[in-house]
Amino acid sequence: MTGNDRPWPAWVLVGMFATVVATSAFDYSVLVPRPDLRYAMHRAIVDGTAPSPQRFRVLVPWSLDPLIRLAGRSGDSEQAFRRVYFAFHIVVLSALVGGVYGYSRLWFSRDRSLIGALVIASVLHLVLRMGEYWDFSPIPDRTWFAPWSLLEPVFVAIGLVSLARRQIGLLAILTVLASLNSEASVVLPLLALVVPKQERRHGLALLALWAVVTALLHFGVGGFTMPEPTWQQNIAHLPHVVVNLLLLLGPAALAMSGYGKAPLFARRALLALVPSLLAIMVFGNWWDARLLTPLYPLVGPLVLSGIFLRPSCLP
């Protein structure tokens, strides 16, 4: 290991990533339009009265509500809500960028991994703007509050590193927690099924674990409602969708050029997102870029492979 590749102290990394995301976290927490809708949805999820599928995405609201109640003892619960979620956004966005760095670090040097993390951080602002681009059409009212979408790529990044290190126990814990966060958590057991050098029985066991936790959650919180297709809404906003995707996937050209040179592990991992992408195509609001946040850690090594020669650390 050369001096230029010696790991930074943890406080240096935390400081860098928090600095990169601080402004976006503040805007998304304090300056966001319609804070009343976000506060109302948080309360509805905690109380169990939210519509489906938001009703089942309980991890963040259940975890933060005790802190909000504690901070709101002075009487201003909405201000406490904003402050607690501002802290949450600082932490989770820093973890997202750090996750891209940590996953890329499996194959790339310290400095190159940081470049990949900063490339991804440069497009984070888009997913925090509530889809207000091109025709300034807002996303539906019930989807303004979606903190789980920022946590999904963090789970994916940690899951990828866990798989690379064969830490199946940690991945099982992540699967349980992520199942309480959103249905997109199915990507974690699928990763264990598609990446090379993994026992398929581990992937099947994790998939069964995910199904059990998800079923128990739906049973305990209040059943399951089949979502309706969103074709008509998406077609009506098609120009908006195109612009958002181009902005979100700004690094896509680099990722495509680096796909053939990227490590096999990183290329195969992309396959785990196929079921989620199909579900988004049928049931999602395409112009809501937050649905695609699990892509962020997955494309990091591909972007770097498009810039640099293929690393030799791992196959």
Protein backbone atom coordinates (compact mmCIF):
# COMPACT_ATOMS: atom_id res chain seq x y z
CA MET A 1 0.00 0.00 0.00
CA THR A 2 1.50 3.33 -1.06
CA GLY A 3 1.28 6.53 0.94
CA ASN A 4 -1.27 7.87 -1.53
CA ASP A 5 -3.52 4.86 -0.93
CA ARG A 6 -3.31 4.73 2.86
CA PRO A 7 -6.87 4.75 4.32
CA TRP A 8 -8.09 8.05 5.69
CA PRO A 9 -9.08 8.21 9.36
CA ALA A 10 -12.80 7.68 9.85
CA TRP A 11 -13.35 11.27 10.98
CA VAL A 12 -11.88 12.57 7.71
CA LEU A 13 -14.27 10.48 5.63
CA VAL A 14 -17.26 11.43 7.78
CA GLY A 15 -16.32 15.09 7.53
CA MET A 16 -15.93 14.96 3.75
CA PHE A 17 -19.20 13.15 3.09
CA ALA A 18 -21.19 15.28 5.56
CA THR A 19 -19.82 18.43 3.91
CA VAL A 20 -20.84 17.19 0.47
CA VAL A 21 -24.45 16.50 1.48
CA ALA A 22 -25.09 19.20 4.12
CA THR A 23 -26.67 21.78 1.82
CA SER A 24 -28.92 19.25 0.11
CA ALA A 25 -29.96 17.81 3.49
CA PHE A 26 -30.88 21.28 4.74
CA ASP A 27 -32.89 22.11 1.61
CA TYR A 28 -34.71 18.78 1.75
CA SER A 29 -35.51 19.17 5.44
CA VAL A 30 -36.31 22.87 5.84
CA LEU A 31 -36.92 24.52 2.48
CA VAL A 32 -38.98 21.75 0.89
CA PRO A 33 -42.50 22.75 -0.28
CA ARG A 34 -45.59 21.34 1.44
CA PRO A 35 -44.02 20.28 4.75
CA ASP A 36 -47.57 19.70 6.00
CA LEU A 37 -47.92 16.69 3.70
CA ARG A 38 -44.71 15.17 4.98
CA TYR A 39 -45.64 15.69 8.61
CA ALA A 40 -49.12 14.25 8.06
CA MET A 41 -47.77 11.13 6.33
CA HIS A 42 -45.21 10.55 9.09
CA ARG A 43 -47.97 10.69 11.68
CA ALA A 44 -50.24 8.44 9.59
CA ILE A 45 -47.53 5.77 9.27
CA VAL A 46 -46.80 5.87 12.99
CA ASP A 47 -50.53 5.66 13.78
CA GLY A 48 -51.12 2.87 11.25
CA THR A 49 -53.60 4.88 9.17
CA ALA A 50 -51.43 5.62 6.11
CA PRO A 51 -52.49 4.34 2.69
CA SER A 52 -50.77 1.40 1.05
CA PRO A 53 -47.87 1.00 0.38
CA GLN A 54 -46.65 3.82 2.65
CA ARG A 55 -48.32 2.09 5.60
CA PHE A 56 -45.76 -0.73 5.48
CA ARG A 57 -42.62 1.44 5.25
CA VAL A 58 -42.28 1.80 8.99
CA LEU A 59 -38.57 1.63 9.81
CA VAL A 60 -37.74 5.33 9.61
CA PRO A 61 -40.98 6.79 11.06
CA TRP A 62 -41.07 4.28 13.93
CA SER A 63 -37.38 4.86 14.69
CA LEU A 64 -37.51 8.67 14.60
CA ASP A 65 -40.88 9.32 16.19
CA PRO A 66 -39.64 8.88 19.80
CA LEU A 67 -36.92 11.45 19.07
CA ILE A 68 -39.47 13.83 17.54
CA ARG A 69 -41.71 13.50 20.59
CA LEU A 70 -38.75 14.14 22.88
CA ALA A 71 -37.62 17.18 20.90
CA GLY A 72 -41.19 18.47 20.71
CA ARG A 73 -41.79 18.63 24.45
CA SER A 74 -41.39 22.41 24.18
CA GLY A 75 -44.65 22.48 22.23
CA ASP A 76 -43.66 22.89 18.57
CA SER A 77 -43.94 19.35 17.19
CA GLU A 78 -43.56 20.39 13.55
CA GLN A 79 -40.29 22.19 14.26
CA ALA A 80 -39.09 19.12 16.12
CA PHE A 81 -40.07 17.06 13.08
CA ARG A 82 -37.96 19.24 10.77
CA ARG A 83 -34.93 19.19 13.09
CA VAL A 84 -34.94 15.45 13.64
CA TYR A 85 -35.37 14.73 9.94
CA PHE A 86 -32.61 17.21 9.11
CA ALA A 87 -30.27 15.17 11.32
CA PHE A 88 -31.56 11.98 9.69
CA HIS A 89 -30.94 13.36 6.20
CA ILE A 90 -27.39 14.42 7.09
CA VAL A 91 -26.61 10.95 8.41
CA VAL A 92 -28.31 8.90 5.70
CA LEU A 93 -27.06 10.99 2.75
CA SER A 94 -23.52 10.84 4.17
CA ALA A 95 -23.95 7.07 4.51
CA LEU A 96 -25.18 6.86 0.92
CA VAL A 97 -22.10 8.63 -0.45
CA GLY A 98 -19.92 6.66 1.96
CA GLY A 99 -21.54 3.44 0.77
CA VAL A 100 -20.58 4.19 -2.82
CA TYR A 101 -17.04 4.88 -1.63
CA GLY A 102 -16.85 1.72 0.48
CA TYR A 103 -18.17 -0.54 -2.27
CA SER A 104 -15.85 0.98 -4.88
CA ARG A 105 -12.96 0.59 -2.44
CA LEU A 106 -13.19 -3.19 -2.88
CA TRP A 107 -11.42 -2.74 -6.22
CA PHE A 108 -10.20 0.85 -6.52
CA SER A 109 -7.69 3.01 -4.72
CA ARG A 110 -8.69 5.51 -2.05
CA ASP A 111 -8.55 8.52 -4.35
CA ARG A 112 -10.36 6.85 -7.25
CA SER A 113 -13.10 5.58 -4.95
CA LEU A 114 -13.58 9.11 -3.67
CA ILE A 115 -13.97 10.32 -7.25
CA GLY A 116 -16.71 7.76 -7.82
CA ALA A 117 -18.49 8.78 -4.62
CA LEU A 118 -18.36 12.46 -5.58
CA VAL A 119 -19.66 11.73 -9.09
CA ILE A 120 -22.70 10.07 -7.55
CA ALA A 121 -23.07 12.86 -4.98
CA SER A 122 -23.22 15.39 -7.82
CA VAL A 123 -26.63 14.06 -8.94
CA LEU A 124 -28.15 13.56 -5.49
CA HIS A 125 -29.83 16.96 -5.64
CA LEU A 126 -32.20 15.66 -8.31
CA VAL A 127 -33.81 13.04 -6.08
CA LEU A 128 -34.36 15.69 -3.41
CA ARG A 129 -36.27 18.09 -5.65
CA MET A 130 -39.52 16.16 -5.64
CA GLY A 131 -39.53 15.75 -9.42
CA GLU A 132 -40.10 19.43 -10.15
CA TYR A 133 -38.34 19.64 -13.50
CA TRP A 134 -39.38 20.32 -17.08
CA ASP A 135 -43.12 20.89 -16.60
CA PHE A 136 -42.89 21.53 -12.83
CA SER A 137 -45.46 18.82 -12.17
CA PRO A 138 -45.24 17.61 -8.58
CA ILE A 139 -45.32 13.99 -7.65
CA PRO A 140 -48.62 12.78 -6.08
CA ASP A 141 -49.41 14.17 -2.62
CA ARG A 142 -49.07 10.83 -0.82
CA THR A 143 -45.49 10.36 -2.07
CA TRP A 144 -44.00 13.64 -0.86
CA PHE A 145 -42.78 11.87 2.27
CA ALA A 146 -40.40 9.05 1.32
CA PRO A 147 -37.40 8.86 3.69
CA TRP A 148 -37.11 5.13 2.95
CA SER A 149 -35.94 5.93 -0.59
CA LEU A 150 -32.77 7.54 0.80
CA LEU A 151 -32.10 4.57 3.06
CA GLU A 152 -32.52 1.93 0.33
CA PRO A 153 -29.14 2.59 -1.37
CA VAL A 154 -27.41 2.51 2.03
CA PHE A 155 -28.74 -1.01 2.65
CA VAL A 156 -27.69 -2.01 -0.88
CA ALA A 157 -24.15 -0.68 -0.42
CA ILE A 158 -23.67 -2.40 2.94
CA GLY A 159 -25.19 -5.59 1.52
CA LEU A 160 -22.79 -5.56 -1.41
CA VAL A 161 -19.75 -5.18 0.83
CA SER A 162 -21.10 -7.89 3.15
CA LEU A 163 -21.47 -10.29 0.23
CA ALA A 164 -18.00 -9.54 -1.08
CA ARG A 165 -16.65 -10.38 2.37
CA ARG A 166 -18.93 -13.44 2.76
CA GLN A 167 -20.63 -11.96 5.85
CA ILE A 168 -23.97 -13.72 5.39
CA GLY A 169 -25.05 -13.19 8.99
CA LEU A 170 -24.75 -9.43 8.60
CA LEU A 171 -26.66 -9.61 5.33
CA ALA A 172 -29.47 -11.50 7.09
CA ILE A 173 -29.76 -8.73 9.70
CA LEU A 174 -29.77 -6.13 6.93
CA THR A 175 -32.52 -8.06 5.12
CA VAL A 176 -34.75 -7.95 8.19
CA LEU A 177 -34.19 -4.23 8.76
CA ALA A 178 -34.55 -3.36 5.08
CA SER A 179 -37.81 -5.33 4.91
CA LEU A 180 -39.24 -2.88 7.44
CA ASN A 181 -38.04 -0.02 5.26
CA SER A 182 -39.57 -0.86 1.87
CA GLU A 183 -40.41 -3.65 -0.54
CA ALA A 184 -37.32 -2.74 -2.56
CA SER A 185 -35.37 -4.65 0.09
CA VAL A 186 -35.92 -7.78 -2.02
CA VAL A 187 -32.77 -6.70 -3.85
CA LEU A 188 -30.63 -7.90 -0.91
CA PRO A 189 -31.45 -11.63 -1.16
CA LEU A 190 -31.41 -11.34 -4.94
CA LEU A 191 -27.85 -10.02 -4.76
CA ALA A 192 -26.85 -13.22 -2.97
CA LEU A 193 -28.41 -15.20 -5.82
CA VAL A 194 -26.79 -13.38 -8.74
CA VAL A 195 -23.28 -12.38 -7.69
CA PRO A 196 -20.50 -14.94 -8.30
CA LYS A 197 -18.82 -17.11 -5.67
CA GLN A 198 -21.84 -17.16 -3.36
CA GLU A 199 -23.74 -20.16 -2.08
CA ARG A 200 -27.16 -20.16 -3.76
CA ARG A 201 -28.67 -21.73 -0.66
CA HIS A 202 -27.76 -18.56 1.23
CA GLY A 203 -29.63 -16.48 -1.32
CA LEU A 204 -32.69 -18.72 -1.13
CA ALA A 205 -32.65 -18.64 2.66
CA LEU A 206 -32.41 -14.85 2.62
CA LEU A 207 -35.24 -14.65 0.11
CA ALA A 208 -37.41 -16.79 2.40
CA LEU A 209 -36.45 -14.58 5.35
CA TRP A 210 -37.44 -11.48 3.39
CA ALA A 211 -40.79 -13.03 2.44
CA VAL A 212 -41.59 -14.01 6.03
CA VAL A 213 -40.72 -10.60 7.49
CA THR A 214 -42.65 -8.80 4.74
CA ALA A 215 -45.70 -11.04 5.21
CA LEU A 216 -45.66 -10.58 9.00
CA LEU A 217 -45.36 -6.82 8.57
CA HIS A 218 -48.31 -6.67 6.18
CA PHE A 219 -50.36 -8.92 8.43
CA GLY A 220 -49.55 -6.94 11.56
CA VAL A 221 -49.98 -3.45 10.12
CA GLY A 222 -53.07 -4.11 8.07
CA GLY A 223 -53.25 -6.29 4.98
CA PHE A 224 -52.11 -5.73 1.45
CA THR A 225 -53.61 -3.61 -1.31
CA MET A 226 -52.58 -4.30 -4.88
CA PRO A 227 -51.22 -1.09 -6.43
CA GLU A 228 -52.76 0.22 -9.61
CA PRO A 229 -50.77 0.62 -12.84
CA THR A 230 -49.65 4.19 -13.55
CA TRP A 231 -49.32 4.06 -17.34
CA GLN A 232 -51.60 7.03 -18.07
CA GLN A 233 -49.92 9.36 -15.58
CA ASN A 234 -46.46 8.41 -16.79
CA ILE A 235 -47.29 8.86 -20.46
CA ALA A 236 -48.80 12.28 -19.69
CA HIS A 237 -45.47 13.32 -18.12
CA LEU A 238 -43.21 11.52 -20.58
CA PRO A 239 -41.03 14.54 -21.52
CA HIS A 240 -40.59 15.20 -17.81
CA VAL A 241 -39.60 11.57 -17.28
CA VAL A 242 -36.96 11.73 -20.02
CA VAL A 243 -35.34 14.88 -18.63
CA ASN A 244 -35.32 13.50 -15.08
CA LEU A 245 -33.74 10.24 -16.19
CA LEU A 246 -31.06 12.04 -18.18
CA LEU A 247 -30.24 14.19 -15.16
CA LEU A 248 -30.35 11.29 -12.72
CA LEU A 249 -28.26 9.05 -14.94
CA GLY A 250 -25.67 11.66 -15.75
CA PRO A 251 -22.95 9.12 -14.90
CA ALA A 252 -24.73 6.49 -17.04
CA ALA A 253 -22.50 7.03 -20.07
CA LEU A 254 -19.42 6.38 -17.94
CA ALA A 255 -21.10 3.35 -16.39
CA MET A 256 -21.98 1.93 -19.82
CA SER A 257 -18.48 2.50 -21.15
CA GLY A 258 -17.02 0.82 -18.07
CA TYR A 259 -19.39 -2.15 -17.94
CA GLY A 260 -17.18 -4.47 -19.97
CA LYS A 261 -14.09 -3.59 -17.90
CA ALA A 262 -15.80 -3.70 -14.51
CA PRO A 263 -15.28 -6.59 -12.07
CA LEU A 264 -17.62 -9.53 -12.68
CA PHE A 265 -19.09 -9.11 -9.19
CA ALA A 266 -20.14 -5.52 -9.96
CA ARG A 267 -21.62 -6.45 -13.35
CA ARG A 268 -23.63 -9.37 -12.02
CA ALA A 269 -24.93 -7.34 -9.07
CA LEU A 270 -26.93 -5.14 -11.46
CA LEU A 271 -29.16 -8.12 -12.26
CA ALA A 272 -30.65 -7.98 -8.75
CA LEU A 273 -32.43 -4.74 -9.64
CA VAL A 274 -34.36 -6.18 -12.59
CA PRO A 275 -37.51 -7.16 -10.59
CA SER A 276 -37.62 -3.74 -8.92
CA LEU A 277 -37.22 -1.94 -12.23
CA LEU A 278 -40.06 -4.00 -13.73
CA ALA A 279 -42.28 -3.11 -10.77
CA ILE A 280 -41.43 0.58 -11.20
CA MET A 281 -42.30 0.40 -14.89
CA VAL A 282 -45.80 -0.90 -14.08
CA PHE A 283 -46.68 0.71 -10.74
CA GLY A 284 -44.24 3.58 -10.16
CA ASN A 285 -44.33 7.27 -10.99
CA TRP A 286 -41.50 7.41 -13.48
CA TRP A 287 -40.72 11.07 -12.91
CA ASP A 288 -40.08 10.44 -9.20
CA ALA A 289 -36.33 9.81 -9.40
CA ARG A 290 -36.17 8.59 -5.79
CA LEU A 291 -37.40 5.20 -6.98
CA LEU A 292 -34.03 4.64 -8.64
CA THR A 293 -31.76 5.46 -5.71
CA PRO A 294 -30.69 1.80 -5.20
CA LEU A 295 -28.79 2.21 -8.48
CA TYR A 296 -26.31 4.62 -6.92
CA PRO A 297 -23.95 2.17 -5.19
CA LEU A 298 -24.33 -0.39 -7.98
CA VAL A 299 -23.06 1.93 -10.72
CA GLY A 300 -20.14 3.33 -8.71
CA PRO A 301 -17.56 0.70 -9.76
CA LEU A 302 -18.87 0.80 -13.35
CA VAL A 303 -18.34 4.55 -13.52
CA LEU A 304 -14.79 4.17 -12.24
CA SER A 305 -14.12 1.32 -14.67
CA GLY A 306 -15.15 3.69 -17.46
CA ILE A 307 -12.60 6.25 -16.29
CA PHE A 308 -9.70 4.05 -15.23
CA LEU A 309 -8.17 0.78 -16.27
CA ARG A 310 -9.70 -2.36 -14.77
CA PRO A 311 -8.45 -2.86 -11.21
CA SER A 312 -6.59 -6.00 -10.27
CA CYS A 313 -7.55 -6.24 -6.60
CA LEU A 314 -10.43 -8.68 -7.02
CA PRO A 315 -11.94 -10.57 -9.98
